[in-house]
Amino acid sequence: MKISVRDGKFRLSLRLPLGICLRAAAKACKGEGAVQLLRKDRAAVRRILRSARRVHGALELVRVEGADGSTVIVTL
């Protein structure tokens, strides 16, 4: 997973392992069903996401553009 922040000349790019992101998502989820899915079937979810990335390339999950021209992009 990659998080990119751009604001004028300032650019920041963070690459995070998918397993760490899934663990963080399991801790942050409020719904009981989502937490159980992410905890029990983490390996299956990781395999599905990796195969989707291989087939479709970089998938853009979130793009936020501010009024001042700053941009935050989260891609898989």
PDB file of N, CA and C in Angstrom:
ATOM      1  N   MET A   1       0.852  -1.154   0.000  1.00  0.00           N
ATOM      2  CA  MET A   1       0.000   0.000   0.000  1.00  0.00           C
ATOM      3  C   MET A   1       0.903   1.223   0.000  1.00  0.00           C
ATOM      4  N   LYS A   2       0.506   2.237  -0.727  1.00  0.00           N
ATOM      5  CA  LYS A   2       1.312   3.441  -0.847  1.00  0.00           C
ATOM      6  C   LYS A   2       0.460   4.653  -0.511  1.00  0.00           C
ATOM      7  N   ILE A   3       0.998   5.540   0.310  1.00  0.00           N
ATOM      8  CA  ILE A   3       0.336   6.792   0.664  1.00  0.00           C
ATOM      9  C   ILE A   3       1.199   7.922   0.129  1.00  0.00           C
ATOM     10  N   SER A   4       0.622   8.781  -0.715  1.00  0.00           N
ATOM     11  CA  SER A   4       1.347   9.903  -1.304  1.00  0.00           C
ATOM     12  C   SER A   4       0.693  11.204  -0.877  1.00  0.00           C
ATOM     13  N   VAL A   5       1.519  12.158  -0.446  1.00  0.00           N
ATOM     14  CA  VAL A   5       1.048  13.490  -0.066  1.00  0.00           C
ATOM     15  C   VAL A   5       1.809  14.488  -0.915  1.00  0.00           C
ATOM     16  N   ARG A   6       1.079  15.400  -1.570  1.00  0.00           N
ATOM     17  CA  ARG A   6       1.696  16.436  -2.394  1.00  0.00           C
ATOM     18  C   ARG A   6       1.084  17.781  -2.044  1.00  0.00           C
ATOM     19  N   ASP A   7       1.966  18.737  -1.799  1.00  0.00           N
ATOM     20  CA  ASP A   7       1.525  20.091  -1.499  1.00  0.00           C
ATOM     21  C   ASP A   7       2.573  21.042  -2.063  1.00  0.00           C
ATOM     22  N   GLY A   8       2.323  21.509  -3.269  1.00  0.00           N
ATOM     23  CA  GLY A   8       3.303  22.373  -3.926  1.00  0.00           C
ATOM     24  C   GLY A   8       4.581  21.608  -4.203  1.00  0.00           C
ATOM     25  N   LYS A   9       5.708  22.095  -3.658  1.00  0.00           N
ATOM     26  CA  LYS A   9       6.988  21.420  -3.848  1.00  0.00           C
ATOM     27  C   LYS A   9       7.195  20.292  -2.844  1.00  0.00           C
ATOM     28  N   PHE A  10       6.408  20.256  -1.778  1.00  0.00           N
ATOM     29  CA  PHE A  10       6.528  19.210  -0.759  1.00  0.00           C
ATOM     30  C   PHE A  10       5.880  17.928  -1.258  1.00  0.00           C
ATOM     31  N   ARG A  11       6.633  16.838  -1.231  1.00  0.00           N
ATOM     32  CA  ARG A  11       6.115  15.525  -1.637  1.00  0.00           C
ATOM     33  C   ARG A  11       6.571  14.492  -0.630  1.00  0.00           C
ATOM     34  N   LEU A  12       5.640  13.644  -0.228  1.00  0.00           N
ATOM     35  CA  LEU A  12       5.939  12.568   0.714  1.00  0.00           C
ATOM     36  C   LEU A  12       5.279  11.304   0.196  1.00  0.00           C
ATOM     37  N   SER A  13       6.025  10.216   0.181  1.00  0.00           N
ATOM     38  CA  SER A  13       5.504   8.938  -0.282  1.00  0.00           C
ATOM     39  C   SER A  13       5.898   7.867   0.727  1.00  0.00           C
ATOM     40  N   LEU A  14       4.901   7.165   1.267  1.00  0.00           N
ATOM     41  CA  LEU A  14       5.136   6.106   2.240  1.00  0.00           C
ATOM     42  C   LEU A  14       4.642   4.783   1.672  1.00  0.00           C
ATOM     43  N   ARG A  15       5.480   3.778   1.708  1.00  0.00           N
ATOM     44  CA  ARG A  15       5.075   2.428   1.312  1.00  0.00           C
ATOM     45  C   ARG A  15       4.942   1.592   2.574  1.00  0.00           C
ATOM     46  N   LEU A  16       3.779   0.982   2.748  1.00  0.00           N
ATOM     47  CA  LEU A  16       3.503   0.160   3.921  1.00  0.00           C
ATOM     48  C   LEU A  16       3.171  -1.261   3.482  1.00  0.00           C
ATOM     49  N   PRO A  17       3.679  -2.263   4.204  1.00  0.00           N
ATOM     50  CA  PRO A  17       3.320  -3.651   3.884  1.00  0.00           C
ATOM     51  C   PRO A  17       1.821  -3.884   4.088  1.00  0.00           C
ATOM     52  N   LEU A  18       1.251  -4.686   3.221  1.00  0.00           N
ATOM     53  CA  LEU A  18      -0.187  -4.945   3.254  1.00  0.00           C
ATOM     54  C   LEU A  18      -0.613  -5.607   4.556  1.00  0.00           C
ATOM     55  N   GLY A  19       0.206  -6.489   5.109  1.00  0.00           N
ATOM     56  CA  GLY A  19      -0.137  -7.170   6.366  1.00  0.00           C
ATOM     57  C   GLY A  19      -0.295  -6.193   7.520  1.00  0.00           C
ATOM     58  N   ILE A  20       0.586  -5.204   7.601  1.00  0.00           N
ATOM     59  CA  ILE A  20       0.486  -4.197   8.665  1.00  0.00           C
ATOM     60  C   ILE A  20      -0.782  -3.363   8.490  1.00  0.00           C
ATOM     61  N   CYS A  21      -1.116  -3.029   7.265  1.00  0.00           N
ATOM     62  CA  CYS A  21      -2.327  -2.252   7.005  1.00  0.00           C
ATOM     63  C   CYS A  21      -3.583  -3.037   7.381  1.00  0.00           C
ATOM     64  N   LEU A  22      -3.599  -4.327   7.107  1.00  0.00           N
ATOM     65  CA  LEU A  22      -4.759  -5.149   7.462  1.00  0.00           C
ATOM     66  C   LEU A  22      -4.911  -5.276   8.974  1.00  0.00           C
ATOM     67  N   ARG A  23      -3.788  -5.407   9.703  1.00  0.00           N
ATOM     68  CA  ARG A  23      -3.856  -5.456  11.170  1.00  0.00           C
ATOM     69  C   ARG A  23      -4.383  -4.151  11.733  1.00  0.00           C
ATOM     70  N   ALA A  24      -3.923  -3.030  11.198  1.00  0.00           N
ATOM     71  CA  ALA A  24      -4.390  -1.719  11.653  1.00  0.00           C
ATOM     72  C   ALA A  24      -5.874  -1.533  11.346  1.00  0.00           C
ATOM     73  N   ALA A  25      -6.311  -2.019  10.195  1.00  0.00           N
ATOM     74  CA  ALA A  25      -7.723  -1.922   9.839  1.00  0.00           C
ATOM     75  C   ALA A  25      -8.577  -2.774  10.773  1.00  0.00           C
ATOM     76  N   ALA A  26      -8.086  -3.946  11.166  1.00  0.00           N
ATOM     77  CA  ALA A  26      -8.834  -4.806  12.084  1.00  0.00           C
ATOM     78  C   ALA A  26      -8.981  -4.141  13.446  1.00  0.00           C
ATOM     79  N   LYS A  27      -7.961  -3.415  13.886  1.00  0.00           N
ATOM     80  CA  LYS A  27      -8.047  -2.721  15.170  1.00  0.00           C
ATOM     81  C   LYS A  27      -8.969  -1.513  15.101  1.00  0.00           C
ATOM     82  N   ALA A  28      -9.024  -0.859  13.941  1.00  0.00           N
ATOM     83  CA  ALA A  28      -9.800   0.370  13.801  1.00  0.00           C
ATOM     84  C   ALA A  28     -11.277   0.120  13.490  1.00  0.00           C
ATOM     85  N   CYS A  29     -11.638  -1.094  13.035  1.00  0.00           N
ATOM     86  CA  CYS A  29     -13.022  -1.381  12.638  1.00  0.00           C
ATOM     87  C   CYS A  29     -13.955  -1.383  13.837  1.00  0.00           C
ATOM     88  N   LYS A  30     -15.136  -0.842  13.627  1.00  0.00           N
ATOM     89  CA  LYS A  30     -16.157  -0.820  14.672  1.00  0.00           C
ATOM     90  C   LYS A  30     -17.112  -2.009  14.557  1.00  0.00           C
ATOM     91  N   GLY A  31     -17.395  -2.439  13.327  1.00  0.00           N
ATOM     92  CA  GLY A  31     -18.335  -3.530  13.109  1.00  0.00           C
ATOM     93  C   GLY A  31     -17.740  -4.881  13.476  1.00  0.00           C
ATOM     94  N   GLU A  32     -18.494  -5.713  14.160  1.00  0.00           N
ATOM     95  CA  GLU A  32     -18.017  -7.015  14.619  1.00  0.00           C
ATOM     96  C   GLU A  32     -17.725  -7.951  13.455  1.00  0.00           C
ATOM     97  N   GLY A  33     -18.537  -7.913  12.398  1.00  0.00           N
ATOM     98  CA  GLY A  33     -18.329  -8.804  11.261  1.00  0.00           C
ATOM     99  C   GLY A  33     -17.042  -8.499  10.520  1.00  0.00           C
ATOM    100  N   ALA A  34     -16.741  -7.227  10.349  1.00  0.00           N
ATOM    101  CA  ALA A  34     -15.513  -6.834   9.650  1.00  0.00           C
ATOM    102  C   ALA A  34     -14.285  -7.223  10.459  1.00  0.00           C
ATOM    103  N   VAL A  35     -14.352  -7.075  11.761  1.00  0.00           N
ATOM    104  CA  VAL A  35     -13.216  -7.424  12.618  1.00  0.00           C
ATOM    105  C   VAL A  35     -12.950  -8.917  12.547  1.00  0.00           C
ATOM    106  N   GLN A  36     -13.995  -9.727  12.626  1.00  0.00           N
ATOM    107  CA  GLN A  36     -13.822 -11.178  12.554  1.00  0.00           C
ATOM    108  C   GLN A  36     -13.270 -11.598  11.199  1.00  0.00           C
ATOM    109  N   LEU A  37     -13.740 -10.973  10.123  1.00  0.00           N
ATOM    110  CA  LEU A  37     -13.244 -11.299   8.787  1.00  0.00           C
ATOM    111  C   LEU A  37     -11.760 -10.970   8.679  1.00  0.00           C
ATOM    112  N   LEU A  38     -11.367  -9.802   9.153  1.00  0.00           N
ATOM    113  CA  LEU A  38      -9.970  -9.392   9.025  1.00  0.00           C
ATOM    114  C   LEU A  38      -9.054 -10.197   9.938  1.00  0.00           C
ATOM    115  N   ARG A  39      -9.540 -10.622  11.079  1.00  0.00           N
ATOM    116  CA  ARG A  39      -8.688 -11.389  11.992  1.00  0.00           C
ATOM    117  C   ARG A  39      -8.574 -12.848  11.581  1.00  0.00           C
ATOM    118  N   LYS A  40      -9.691 -13.475  11.252  1.00  0.00           N
ATOM    119  CA  LYS A  40      -9.678 -14.899  10.913  1.00  0.00           C
ATOM    120  C   LYS A  40      -9.111 -15.156   9.520  1.00  0.00           C
ATOM    121  N   ASP A  41      -9.545 -14.370   8.555  1.00  0.00           N
ATOM    122  CA  ASP A  41      -9.211 -14.637   7.158  1.00  0.00           C
ATOM    123  C   ASP A  41      -8.236 -13.605   6.598  1.00  0.00           C
ATOM    124  N   ARG A  42      -7.300 -13.157   7.415  1.00  0.00           N
ATOM    125  CA  ARG A  42      -6.349 -12.128   6.975  1.00  0.00           C
ATOM    126  C   ARG A  42      -5.519 -12.615   5.788  1.00  0.00           C
ATOM    127  N   ALA A  43      -5.101 -13.869   5.820  1.00  0.00           N
ATOM    128  CA  ALA A  43      -4.286 -14.411   4.723  1.00  0.00           C
ATOM    129  C   ALA A  43      -5.088 -14.460   3.422  1.00  0.00           C
ATOM    130  N   ALA A  44      -6.352 -14.841   3.501  1.00  0.00           N
ATOM    131  CA  ALA A  44      -7.184 -14.904   2.304  1.00  0.00           C
ATOM    132  C   ALA A  44      -7.435 -13.503   1.738  1.00  0.00           C
ATOM    133  N   VAL A  45      -7.693 -12.550   2.611  1.00  0.00           N
ATOM    134  CA  VAL A  45      -7.905 -11.171   2.163  1.00  0.00           C
ATOM    135  C   VAL A  45      -6.635 -10.640   1.500  1.00  0.00           C
ATOM    136  N   ARG A  46      -5.478 -10.940   2.088  1.00  0.00           N
ATOM    137  CA  ARG A  46      -4.207 -10.493   1.526  1.00  0.00           C
ATOM    138  C   ARG A  46      -3.986 -11.112   0.140  1.00  0.00           C
ATOM    139  N   ARG A  47      -4.301 -12.404  -0.017  1.00  0.00           N
ATOM    140  CA  ARG A  47      -4.153 -13.053  -1.321  1.00  0.00           C
ATOM    141  C   ARG A  47      -5.064 -12.423  -2.370  1.00  0.00           C
ATOM    142  N   ILE A  48      -6.294 -12.130  -1.984  1.00  0.00           N
ATOM    143  CA  ILE A  48      -7.252 -11.520  -2.910  1.00  0.00           C
ATOM    144  C   ILE A  48      -6.762 -10.132  -3.344  1.00  0.00           C
ATOM    145  N   LEU A  49      -6.281  -9.341  -2.392  1.00  0.00           N
ATOM    146  CA  LEU A  49      -5.803  -8.002  -2.724  1.00  0.00           C
ATOM    147  C   LEU A  49      -4.553  -8.047  -3.601  1.00  0.00           C
ATOM    148  N   ARG A  50      -3.657  -8.985  -3.332  1.00  0.00           N
ATOM    149  CA  ARG A  50      -2.454  -9.118  -4.156  1.00  0.00           C
ATOM    150  C   ARG A  50      -2.804  -9.547  -5.581  1.00  0.00           C
ATOM    151  N   SER A  51      -3.743 -10.478  -5.726  1.00  0.00           N
ATOM    152  CA  SER A  51      -4.124 -10.904  -7.071  1.00  0.00           C
ATOM    153  C   SER A  51      -4.824  -9.770  -7.825  1.00  0.00           C
ATOM    154  N   ALA A  52      -5.625  -8.972  -7.136  1.00  0.00           N
ATOM    155  CA  ALA A  52      -6.271  -7.822  -7.772  1.00  0.00           C
ATOM    156  C   ALA A  52      -5.227  -6.816  -8.233  1.00  0.00           C
ATOM    157  N   ARG A  53      -4.181  -6.631  -7.429  1.00  0.00           N
ATOM    158  CA  ARG A  53      -3.117  -5.699  -7.794  1.00  0.00           C
ATOM    159  C   ARG A  53      -2.349  -6.212  -9.018  1.00  0.00           C
ATOM    160  N   ARG A  54      -2.133  -7.522  -9.098  1.00  0.00           N
ATOM    161  CA  ARG A  54      -1.434  -8.088 -10.258  1.00  0.00           C
ATOM    162  C   ARG A  54      -2.252  -7.937 -11.540  1.00  0.00           C
ATOM    163  N   VAL A  55      -3.553  -8.153 -11.428  1.00  0.00           N
ATOM    164  CA  VAL A  55      -4.417  -8.103 -12.607  1.00  0.00           C
ATOM    165  C   VAL A  55      -4.646  -6.662 -13.064  1.00  0.00           C
ATOM    166  N   HIS A  56      -4.948  -5.760 -12.126  1.00  0.00           N
ATOM    167  CA  HIS A  56      -5.373  -4.404 -12.473  1.00  0.00           C
ATOM    168  C   HIS A  56      -4.291  -3.339 -12.289  1.00  0.00           C
ATOM    169  N   GLY A  57      -3.146  -3.697 -11.749  1.00  0.00           N
ATOM    170  CA  GLY A  57      -2.104  -2.703 -11.496  1.00  0.00           C
ATOM    171  C   GLY A  57      -2.392  -1.945 -10.207  1.00  0.00           C
ATOM    172  N   ALA A  58      -1.907  -0.730 -10.120  1.00  0.00           N
ATOM    173  CA  ALA A  58      -2.102   0.086  -8.917  1.00  0.00           C
ATOM    174  C   ALA A  58      -3.554   0.553  -8.838  1.00  0.00           C
ATOM    175  N   LEU A  59      -4.256   0.124  -7.804  1.00  0.00           N
ATOM    176  CA  LEU A  59      -5.650   0.516  -7.607  1.00  0.00           C
ATOM    177  C   LEU A  59      -5.701   1.700  -6.659  1.00  0.00           C
ATOM    178  N   GLU A  60      -6.310   2.775  -7.096  1.00  0.00           N
ATOM    179  CA  GLU A  60      -6.438   3.960  -6.270  1.00  0.00           C
ATOM    180  C   GLU A  60      -7.639   3.779  -5.329  1.00  0.00           C
ATOM    181  N   LEU A  61      -7.371   3.740  -4.030  1.00  0.00           N
ATOM    182  CA  LEU A  61      -8.429   3.545  -3.051  1.00  0.00           C
ATOM    183  C   LEU A  61      -9.062   4.857  -2.629  1.00  0.00           C
ATOM    184  N   VAL A  62      -8.222   5.865  -2.355  1.00  0.00           N
ATOM    185  CA  VAL A  62      -8.717   7.162  -1.874  1.00  0.00           C
ATOM    186  C   VAL A  62      -7.913   8.270  -2.540  1.00  0.00           C
ATOM    187  N   ARG A  63      -8.603   9.329  -2.951  1.00  0.00           N
ATOM    188  CA  ARG A  63      -7.944  10.538  -3.452  1.00  0.00           C
ATOM    189  C   ARG A  63      -8.676  11.729  -2.824  1.00  0.00           C
ATOM    190  N   VAL A  64      -7.912  12.540  -2.097  1.00  0.00           N
ATOM    191  CA  VAL A  64      -8.473  13.721  -1.451  1.00  0.00           C
ATOM    192  C   VAL A  64      -7.700  14.926  -1.956  1.00  0.00           C
ATOM    193  N   GLU A  65      -8.418  15.893  -2.510  1.00  0.00           N
ATOM    194  CA  GLU A  65      -7.799  17.115  -3.001  1.00  0.00           C
ATOM    195  C   GLU A  65      -8.330  18.288  -2.196  1.00  0.00           C
ATOM    196  N   GLY A  66      -7.412  19.041  -1.618  1.00  0.00           N
ATOM    197  CA  GLY A  66      -7.787  20.194  -0.817  1.00  0.00           C
ATOM    198  C   GLY A  66      -7.995  21.433  -1.681  1.00  0.00           C
ATOM    199  N   ALA A  67      -8.658  22.437  -1.120  1.00  0.00           N
ATOM    200  CA  ALA A  67      -8.910  23.678  -1.837  1.00  0.00           C
ATOM    201  C   ALA A  67      -7.618  24.439  -2.121  1.00  0.00           C
ATOM    202  N   ASP A  68      -6.583  24.199  -1.296  1.00  0.00           N
ATOM    203  CA  ASP A  68      -5.318  24.892  -1.476  1.00  0.00           C
ATOM    204  C   ASP A  68      -4.393  24.188  -2.475  1.00  0.00           C
ATOM    205  N   GLY A  69      -4.844  23.105  -3.078  1.00  0.00           N
ATOM    206  CA  GLY A  69      -4.057  22.399  -4.078  1.00  0.00           C
ATOM    207  C   GLY A  69      -3.320  21.186  -3.560  1.00  0.00           C
ATOM    208  N   SER A  70      -3.408  20.909  -2.261  1.00  0.00           N
ATOM    209  CA  SER A  70      -2.742  19.731  -1.708  1.00  0.00           C
ATOM    210  C   SER A  70      -3.538  18.483  -2.072  1.00  0.00           C
ATOM    211  N   THR A  71      -2.813  17.371  -2.222  1.00  0.00           N
ATOM    212  CA  THR A  71      -3.433  16.121  -2.636  1.00  0.00           C
ATOM    213  C   THR A  71      -2.904  14.976  -1.780  1.00  0.00           C
ATOM    214  N   VAL A  72      -3.813  14.081  -1.353  1.00  0.00           N
ATOM    215  CA  VAL A  72      -3.444  12.861  -0.653  1.00  0.00           C
ATOM    216  C   VAL A  72      -4.040  11.699  -1.441  1.00  0.00           C
ATOM    217  N   ILE A  73      -3.191  10.727  -1.805  1.00  0.00           N
ATOM    218  CA  ILE A  73      -3.632   9.574  -2.590  1.00  0.00           C
ATOM    219  C   ILE A  73      -3.193   8.296  -1.858  1.00  0.00           C
ATOM    220  N   VAL A  74      -4.139   7.377  -1.698  1.00  0.00           N
ATOM    221  CA  VAL A  74      -3.845   6.067  -1.121  1.00  0.00           C
ATOM    222  C   VAL A  74      -4.104   5.030  -2.200  1.00  0.00           C
ATOM    223  N   THR A  75      -3.048   4.291  -2.573  1.00  0.00           N
ATOM    224  CA  THR A  75      -3.177   3.278  -3.618  1.00  0.00           C
ATOM    225  C   THR A  75      -2.800   1.915  -3.067  1.00  0.00           C
ATOM    226  N   LEU A  76      -3.315   0.908  -3.689  1.00  0.00           N
ATOM    227  CA  LEU A  76      -3.027  -0.469  -3.292  1.00  0.00           C
ATOM    228  C   LEU A  76      -1.891  -0.987  -4.126  1.00  0.00           C
TER     229      LEU A  76
END
